[in-house]
Amino acid sequence: MELSKAATELVDEYRRSPGAEPLGFTRTAAYRQFIEAAEQAGFTGPEVEMDSEFSDRSPEWVAHASEEELRRYLHTLIRADRWNTDFPTAVLQACSGGQLGALAANLA
């Protein structure tokens, strides 16, 4: 699945149940497909640099970011969501904050 479509489906999943518990959200098929699509598209992996300001990125910034900036942003977002105790709900927050919707539109 292409990354923009996977991001759109993940945002749609969030909108269907905006009060979802974080653990339940990460167990959805849409979440898994999003992670897989990001990996397949090369938007995450050991060679991708981190975005130290990822948690401050607005939907407007994401909407106008270059592909390389999006790569760093998304890599850091996924890494924080999966492995960082300071931001264990980073992807869920990006859905609710509009950043993932902006990412899908930017990539489309």
C-alpha atoms as a PDB file:
ATOM      1  CA  MET A   1       0.000   0.000   0.000  1.00  0.00           C
ATOM      2  CA  GLU A   2       1.336   3.443  -0.810  1.00  0.00           C
ATOM      3  CA  LEU A   3       2.220   5.676   2.109  1.00  0.00           C
ATOM      4  CA  SER A   4      -0.228   8.511   1.380  1.00  0.00           C
ATOM      5  CA  LYS A   5      -3.121   6.040   1.207  1.00  0.00           C
ATOM      6  CA  ALA A   6      -2.000   4.295   4.403  1.00  0.00           C
ATOM      7  CA  ALA A   7      -1.781   7.659   6.206  1.00  0.00           C
ATOM      8  CA  THR A   8      -5.273   8.586   4.980  1.00  0.00           C
ATOM      9  CA  GLU A   9      -6.673   5.266   6.180  1.00  0.00           C
ATOM     10  CA  LEU A  10      -5.022   5.718   9.562  1.00  0.00           C
ATOM     11  CA  VAL A  11      -6.538   9.197   9.938  1.00  0.00           C
ATOM     12  CA  ASP A  12      -9.920   7.755   8.924  1.00  0.00           C
ATOM     13  CA  GLU A  13      -9.516   5.032  11.561  1.00  0.00           C
ATOM     14  CA  TYR A  14      -8.814   7.721  14.164  1.00  0.00           C
ATOM     15  CA  ARG A  15     -11.896   9.725  13.097  1.00  0.00           C
ATOM     16  CA  ARG A  16     -14.128   6.662  13.440  1.00  0.00           C
ATOM     17  CA  SER A  17     -13.090   6.298  17.085  1.00  0.00           C
ATOM     18  CA  PRO A  18     -11.444   9.520  18.313  1.00  0.00           C
ATOM     19  CA  GLY A  19     -11.486   8.394  21.937  1.00  0.00           C
ATOM     20  CA  ALA A  20      -9.584   5.183  21.232  1.00  0.00           C
ATOM     21  CA  GLU A  21      -7.134   3.993  23.827  1.00  0.00           C
ATOM     22  CA  PRO A  22      -3.526   4.230  22.585  1.00  0.00           C
ATOM     23  CA  LEU A  23      -2.889   0.499  22.866  1.00  0.00           C
ATOM     24  CA  GLY A  24      -6.071  -0.313  20.970  1.00  0.00           C
ATOM     25  CA  PHE A  25      -5.168   2.226  18.290  1.00  0.00           C
ATOM     26  CA  THR A  26      -1.755   0.646  17.716  1.00  0.00           C
ATOM     27  CA  ARG A  27      -3.400  -2.759  17.309  1.00  0.00           C
ATOM     28  CA  THR A  28      -5.565  -1.709  14.376  1.00  0.00           C
ATOM     29  CA  ALA A  29      -4.938  -2.939  10.855  1.00  0.00           C
ATOM     30  CA  ALA A  30      -4.673   0.686   9.699  1.00  0.00           C
ATOM     31  CA  TYR A  31      -1.814   1.366  12.149  1.00  0.00           C
ATOM     32  CA  ARG A  32       0.082  -1.736  11.043  1.00  0.00           C
ATOM     33  CA  GLN A  33      -0.424  -0.885   7.372  1.00  0.00           C
ATOM     34  CA  PHE A  34       0.812   2.650   7.979  1.00  0.00           C
ATOM     35  CA  ILE A  35       4.004   1.414   9.673  1.00  0.00           C
ATOM     36  CA  GLU A  36       4.605  -1.120   6.901  1.00  0.00           C
ATOM     37  CA  ALA A  37       3.991   1.461   4.161  1.00  0.00           C
ATOM     38  CA  ALA A  38       6.435   3.887   5.806  1.00  0.00           C
ATOM     39  CA  GLU A  39       9.077   1.161   5.959  1.00  0.00           C
ATOM     40  CA  GLN A  40       8.484   0.053   2.351  1.00  0.00           C
ATOM     41  CA  ALA A  41       8.643   3.651   1.103  1.00  0.00           C
ATOM     42  CA  GLY A  42      11.978   4.205   2.869  1.00  0.00           C
ATOM     43  CA  PHE A  43      10.575   6.732   5.337  1.00  0.00           C
ATOM     44  CA  THR A  44      12.026   4.911   8.307  1.00  0.00           C
ATOM     45  CA  GLY A  45      15.126   2.873   8.940  1.00  0.00           C
ATOM     46  CA  PRO A  46      18.627   3.051  10.386  1.00  0.00           C
ATOM     47  CA  GLU A  47      19.940   5.333   7.630  1.00  0.00           C
ATOM     48  CA  VAL A  48      17.269   8.025   8.133  1.00  0.00           C
ATOM     49  CA  GLU A  49      18.227  11.043  10.234  1.00  0.00           C
ATOM     50  CA  MET A  50      16.163  12.149  13.208  1.00  0.00           C
ATOM     51  CA  ASP A  51      14.043  15.314  13.379  1.00  0.00           C
ATOM     52  CA  SER A  52      14.777  16.814  16.782  1.00  0.00           C
ATOM     53  CA  GLU A  53      11.800  19.180  16.454  1.00  0.00           C
ATOM     54  CA  PHE A  54       9.229  16.582  15.323  1.00  0.00           C
ATOM     55  CA  SER A  55       6.935  17.141  18.305  1.00  0.00           C
ATOM     56  CA  ASP A  56       6.661  20.862  17.470  1.00  0.00           C
ATOM     57  CA  ARG A  57       5.763  20.388  13.800  1.00  0.00           C
ATOM     58  CA  SER A  58       2.428  21.920  12.833  1.00  0.00           C
ATOM     59  CA  PRO A  59       0.115  20.574  10.127  1.00  0.00           C
ATOM     60  CA  GLU A  60       1.098  23.610   8.042  1.00  0.00           C
ATOM     61  CA  TRP A  61       4.783  22.736   8.324  1.00  0.00           C
ATOM     62  CA  VAL A  62       4.066  19.122   7.330  1.00  0.00           C
ATOM     63  CA  ALA A  63       1.934  20.283   4.388  1.00  0.00           C
ATOM     64  CA  HIS A  64       4.830  22.281   2.944  1.00  0.00           C
ATOM     65  CA  ALA A  65       7.785  20.101   3.960  1.00  0.00           C
ATOM     66  CA  SER A  66      10.103  18.608   1.369  1.00  0.00           C
ATOM     67  CA  GLU A  67      10.222  14.850   0.923  1.00  0.00           C
ATOM     68  CA  GLU A  68      13.486  14.683   2.871  1.00  0.00           C
ATOM     69  CA  GLU A  69      12.010  16.732   5.729  1.00  0.00           C
ATOM     70  CA  LEU A  70       8.960  14.440   5.731  1.00  0.00           C
ATOM     71  CA  ARG A  71      11.247  11.421   5.794  1.00  0.00           C
ATOM     72  CA  ARG A  72      13.040  12.694   8.922  1.00  0.00           C
ATOM     73  CA  TYR A  73       9.751  13.762  10.537  1.00  0.00           C
ATOM     74  CA  LEU A  74       7.975  10.475   9.917  1.00  0.00           C
ATOM     75  CA  HIS A  75      10.982   8.366  10.900  1.00  0.00           C
ATOM     76  CA  THR A  76      11.215  10.189  14.222  1.00  0.00           C
ATOM     77  CA  LEU A  77       7.445  10.085  14.776  1.00  0.00           C
ATOM     78  CA  ILE A  78       7.306   6.327  14.296  1.00  0.00           C
ATOM     79  CA  ARG A  79      10.436   5.721  16.319  1.00  0.00           C
ATOM     80  CA  ALA A  80       9.085   7.835  19.188  1.00  0.00           C
ATOM     81  CA  ASP A  81       5.734   6.080  19.054  1.00  0.00           C
ATOM     82  CA  ARG A  82       7.234   2.622  19.149  1.00  0.00           C
ATOM     83  CA  TRP A  83      10.386   3.004  21.250  1.00  0.00           C
ATOM     84  CA  ASN A  84      10.433   6.270  23.221  1.00  0.00           C
ATOM     85  CA  THR A  85       8.798   6.462  26.615  1.00  0.00           C
ATOM     86  CA  ASP A  86       8.485  10.264  26.342  1.00  0.00           C
ATOM     87  CA  PHE A  87       6.179  10.093  23.284  1.00  0.00           C
ATOM     88  CA  PRO A  88       4.418   6.705  23.327  1.00  0.00           C
ATOM     89  CA  THR A  89       1.367   8.131  21.552  1.00  0.00           C
ATOM     90  CA  ALA A  90       3.144  10.194  18.897  1.00  0.00           C
ATOM     91  CA  VAL A  91       1.274   8.711  15.915  1.00  0.00           C
ATOM     92  CA  LEU A  92      -2.083   9.004  17.669  1.00  0.00           C
ATOM     93  CA  GLN A  93      -1.311  12.641  18.515  1.00  0.00           C
ATOM     94  CA  ALA A  94      -0.286  13.308  14.905  1.00  0.00           C
ATOM     95  CA  CYS A  95      -3.682  11.973  13.804  1.00  0.00           C
ATOM     96  CA  SER A  96      -5.573  14.156  16.260  1.00  0.00           C
ATOM     97  CA  GLY A  97      -3.390  17.208  15.589  1.00  0.00           C
ATOM     98  CA  GLY A  98      -3.790  17.091  11.809  1.00  0.00           C
ATOM     99  CA  GLN A  99      -0.163  16.336  10.965  1.00  0.00           C
ATOM    100  CA  LEU A 100      -0.878  12.927   9.429  1.00  0.00           C
ATOM    101  CA  GLY A 101      -3.689  14.316   7.307  1.00  0.00           C
ATOM    102  CA  ALA A 102      -1.284  16.981   6.061  1.00  0.00           C
ATOM    103  CA  LEU A 103       1.348  14.311   5.421  1.00  0.00           C
ATOM    104  CA  ALA A 104      -1.086  12.286   3.292  1.00  0.00           C
ATOM    105  CA  ALA A 105      -2.035  15.376   1.287  1.00  0.00           C
ATOM    106  CA  ASN A 106       1.613  16.396   0.814  1.00  0.00           C
ATOM    107  CA  LEU A 107       2.556  12.931  -0.467  1.00  0.00           C
ATOM    108  CA  ALA A 108      -0.467  12.589  -2.790  1.00  0.00           C
END
